[in-house]
Amino acid sequence: MEKFKNYLIEKGYSKYTPSGNPSTVYDYAKRVNKICEREKISLNMLASNISYYVERYDTVGEEAEYGRKSHNAYINALKRFKEFIVDEY
């Protein structure tokens, strides 16, 4: 997960808000972990099947409603995680 956070920072995502609170980097990492908990899978399993989970939580997927929560934060986090997986491996 630290590599994912570093990837997001390299891509220009904020680590902290102007007031010093954790920002997008930590939020996306937390949401990716939450998807793993929700699906009862490991981070490695998510990474191995990331396209399936992005589709599942995206616009017309079975879990689209959940993916849209918090202004689409869950699906956006999954999409950034997919970009990380593709770029990294």
C-alpha atoms as a PDB file:
ATOM      1  CA  MET A   1       0.000   0.000   0.000  1.00  0.00           C
ATOM      2  CA  GLU A   2       2.940   2.336   0.563  1.00  0.00           C
ATOM      3  CA  LYS A   3       3.931   1.947  -3.098  1.00  0.00           C
ATOM      4  CA  PHE A   4       0.392   2.907  -4.101  1.00  0.00           C
ATOM      5  CA  LYS A   5       0.513   5.993  -1.875  1.00  0.00           C
ATOM      6  CA  ASN A   6       3.881   6.990  -3.340  1.00  0.00           C
ATOM      7  CA  TYR A   7       2.510   6.453  -6.841  1.00  0.00           C
ATOM      8  CA  LEU A   8      -0.388   8.807  -6.114  1.00  0.00           C
ATOM      9  CA  ILE A   9       1.978  11.436  -4.723  1.00  0.00           C
ATOM     10  CA  GLU A  10       4.135  11.153  -7.868  1.00  0.00           C
ATOM     11  CA  LYS A  11       0.979  11.653  -9.949  1.00  0.00           C
ATOM     12  CA  GLY A  12       0.242  14.899  -8.105  1.00  0.00           C
ATOM     13  CA  TYR A  13      -2.376  13.797  -5.601  1.00  0.00           C
ATOM     14  CA  SER A  14      -2.390  15.604  -2.273  1.00  0.00           C
ATOM     15  CA  LYS A  15      -0.979  13.959   0.805  1.00  0.00           C
ATOM     16  CA  TYR A  16      -2.430  16.608   3.125  1.00  0.00           C
ATOM     17  CA  THR A  17      -5.101  19.284   2.934  1.00  0.00           C
ATOM     18  CA  PRO A  18      -4.069  22.924   3.420  1.00  0.00           C
ATOM     19  CA  SER A  19      -5.135  22.578   7.061  1.00  0.00           C
ATOM     20  CA  GLY A  20      -2.812  19.581   7.515  1.00  0.00           C
ATOM     21  CA  ASN A  21      -5.356  16.775   7.501  1.00  0.00           C
ATOM     22  CA  PRO A  22      -4.822  13.580   5.472  1.00  0.00           C
ATOM     23  CA  SER A  23      -6.021  14.064   1.907  1.00  0.00           C
ATOM     24  CA  THR A  24      -6.622  12.113  -1.302  1.00  0.00           C
ATOM     25  CA  VAL A  25      -3.606   9.812  -1.031  1.00  0.00           C
ATOM     26  CA  TYR A  26      -4.714   8.429   2.324  1.00  0.00           C
ATOM     27  CA  ASP A  27      -8.383   8.455   1.383  1.00  0.00           C
ATOM     28  CA  TYR A  28      -7.834   6.362  -1.748  1.00  0.00           C
ATOM     29  CA  ALA A  29      -5.625   3.888   0.113  1.00  0.00           C
ATOM     30  CA  LYS A  30      -8.304   3.559   2.814  1.00  0.00           C
ATOM     31  CA  ARG A  31     -11.026   3.018   0.223  1.00  0.00           C
ATOM     32  CA  VAL A  32      -9.040   0.338  -1.627  1.00  0.00           C
ATOM     33  CA  ASN A  33      -8.566  -1.472   1.685  1.00  0.00           C
ATOM     34  CA  LYS A  34     -12.288  -1.105   2.408  1.00  0.00           C
ATOM     35  CA  ILE A  35     -13.142  -2.771  -0.919  1.00  0.00           C
ATOM     36  CA  CYS A  36     -10.854  -5.668   0.037  1.00  0.00           C
ATOM     37  CA  GLU A  37     -12.644  -6.007   3.385  1.00  0.00           C
ATOM     38  CA  ARG A  38     -16.047  -5.741   1.734  1.00  0.00           C
ATOM     39  CA  GLU A  39     -15.197  -8.377  -0.879  1.00  0.00           C
ATOM     40  CA  LYS A  40     -13.317 -10.532   1.675  1.00  0.00           C
ATOM     41  CA  ILE A  41     -10.200 -10.638  -0.504  1.00  0.00           C
ATOM     42  CA  SER A  42      -6.539  -9.782  -0.069  1.00  0.00           C
ATOM     43  CA  LEU A  43      -4.874  -6.793  -1.679  1.00  0.00           C
ATOM     44  CA  ASN A  44      -2.992  -9.215  -3.943  1.00  0.00           C
ATOM     45  CA  MET A  45      -6.276 -10.799  -5.036  1.00  0.00           C
ATOM     46  CA  LEU A  46      -7.689  -7.351  -5.801  1.00  0.00           C
ATOM     47  CA  ALA A  47      -4.577  -6.490  -7.814  1.00  0.00           C
ATOM     48  CA  SER A  48      -4.772  -9.759  -9.749  1.00  0.00           C
ATOM     49  CA  ASN A  49      -8.404  -9.145 -10.682  1.00  0.00           C
ATOM     50  CA  ILE A  50      -8.511  -5.360 -10.738  1.00  0.00           C
ATOM     51  CA  SER A  51     -10.355  -5.076 -14.055  1.00  0.00           C
ATOM     52  CA  TYR A  52     -13.166  -7.245 -12.699  1.00  0.00           C
ATOM     53  CA  TYR A  53     -13.534  -5.119  -9.554  1.00  0.00           C
ATOM     54  CA  VAL A  54     -13.387  -1.821 -11.440  1.00  0.00           C
ATOM     55  CA  GLU A  55     -16.167  -3.069 -13.692  1.00  0.00           C
ATOM     56  CA  ARG A  56     -18.124  -4.376 -10.694  1.00  0.00           C
ATOM     57  CA  TYR A  57     -18.060  -0.982  -8.912  1.00  0.00           C
ATOM     58  CA  ASP A  58     -18.274   1.236 -12.008  1.00  0.00           C
ATOM     59  CA  THR A  59     -21.329   2.890 -13.574  1.00  0.00           C
ATOM     60  CA  VAL A  60     -23.373  -0.177 -14.547  1.00  0.00           C
ATOM     61  CA  GLY A  61     -21.721  -2.835 -12.378  1.00  0.00           C
ATOM     62  CA  GLU A  62     -23.401  -4.878  -9.653  1.00  0.00           C
ATOM     63  CA  GLU A  63     -21.891  -2.634  -6.965  1.00  0.00           C
ATOM     64  CA  ALA A  64     -22.217   0.675  -8.842  1.00  0.00           C
ATOM     65  CA  GLU A  65     -24.274   2.240  -6.061  1.00  0.00           C
ATOM     66  CA  TYR A  66     -21.500   1.557  -3.558  1.00  0.00           C
ATOM     67  CA  GLY A  67     -18.879   2.762  -6.052  1.00  0.00           C
ATOM     68  CA  ARG A  68     -20.676   6.110  -6.283  1.00  0.00           C
ATOM     69  CA  LYS A  69     -20.621   6.726  -2.528  1.00  0.00           C
ATOM     70  CA  SER A  70     -18.790   9.808  -1.296  1.00  0.00           C
ATOM     71  CA  HIS A  71     -18.823  11.535  -4.697  1.00  0.00           C
ATOM     72  CA  ASN A  72     -17.511   8.444  -6.544  1.00  0.00           C
ATOM     73  CA  ALA A  73     -14.541   8.067  -4.186  1.00  0.00           C
ATOM     74  CA  TYR A  74     -14.639   4.252  -4.188  1.00  0.00           C
ATOM     75  CA  ILE A  75     -14.675   3.788  -7.945  1.00  0.00           C
ATOM     76  CA  ASN A  76     -12.114   6.552  -8.403  1.00  0.00           C
ATOM     77  CA  ALA A  77      -9.828   4.883  -5.874  1.00  0.00           C
ATOM     78  CA  LEU A  78     -10.204   1.539  -7.689  1.00  0.00           C
ATOM     79  CA  LYS A  79      -9.444   3.178 -11.041  1.00  0.00           C
ATOM     80  CA  ARG A  80      -6.293   4.824  -9.653  1.00  0.00           C
ATOM     81  CA  PHE A  81      -5.288   1.472  -8.150  1.00  0.00           C
ATOM     82  CA  LYS A  82      -5.748  -0.137 -11.567  1.00  0.00           C
ATOM     83  CA  GLU A  83      -3.532   2.535 -13.167  1.00  0.00           C
ATOM     84  CA  PHE A  84      -0.933   1.857 -10.477  1.00  0.00           C
ATOM     85  CA  ILE A  85      -1.033  -1.896 -11.150  1.00  0.00           C
ATOM     86  CA  VAL A  86      -0.707  -1.390 -14.915  1.00  0.00           C
ATOM     87  CA  ASP A  87       2.121   1.144 -14.556  1.00  0.00           C
ATOM     88  CA  GLU A  88       3.934  -0.807 -11.857  1.00  0.00           C
ATOM     89  CA  TYR A  89       3.766  -4.247 -13.433  1.00  0.00           C
END
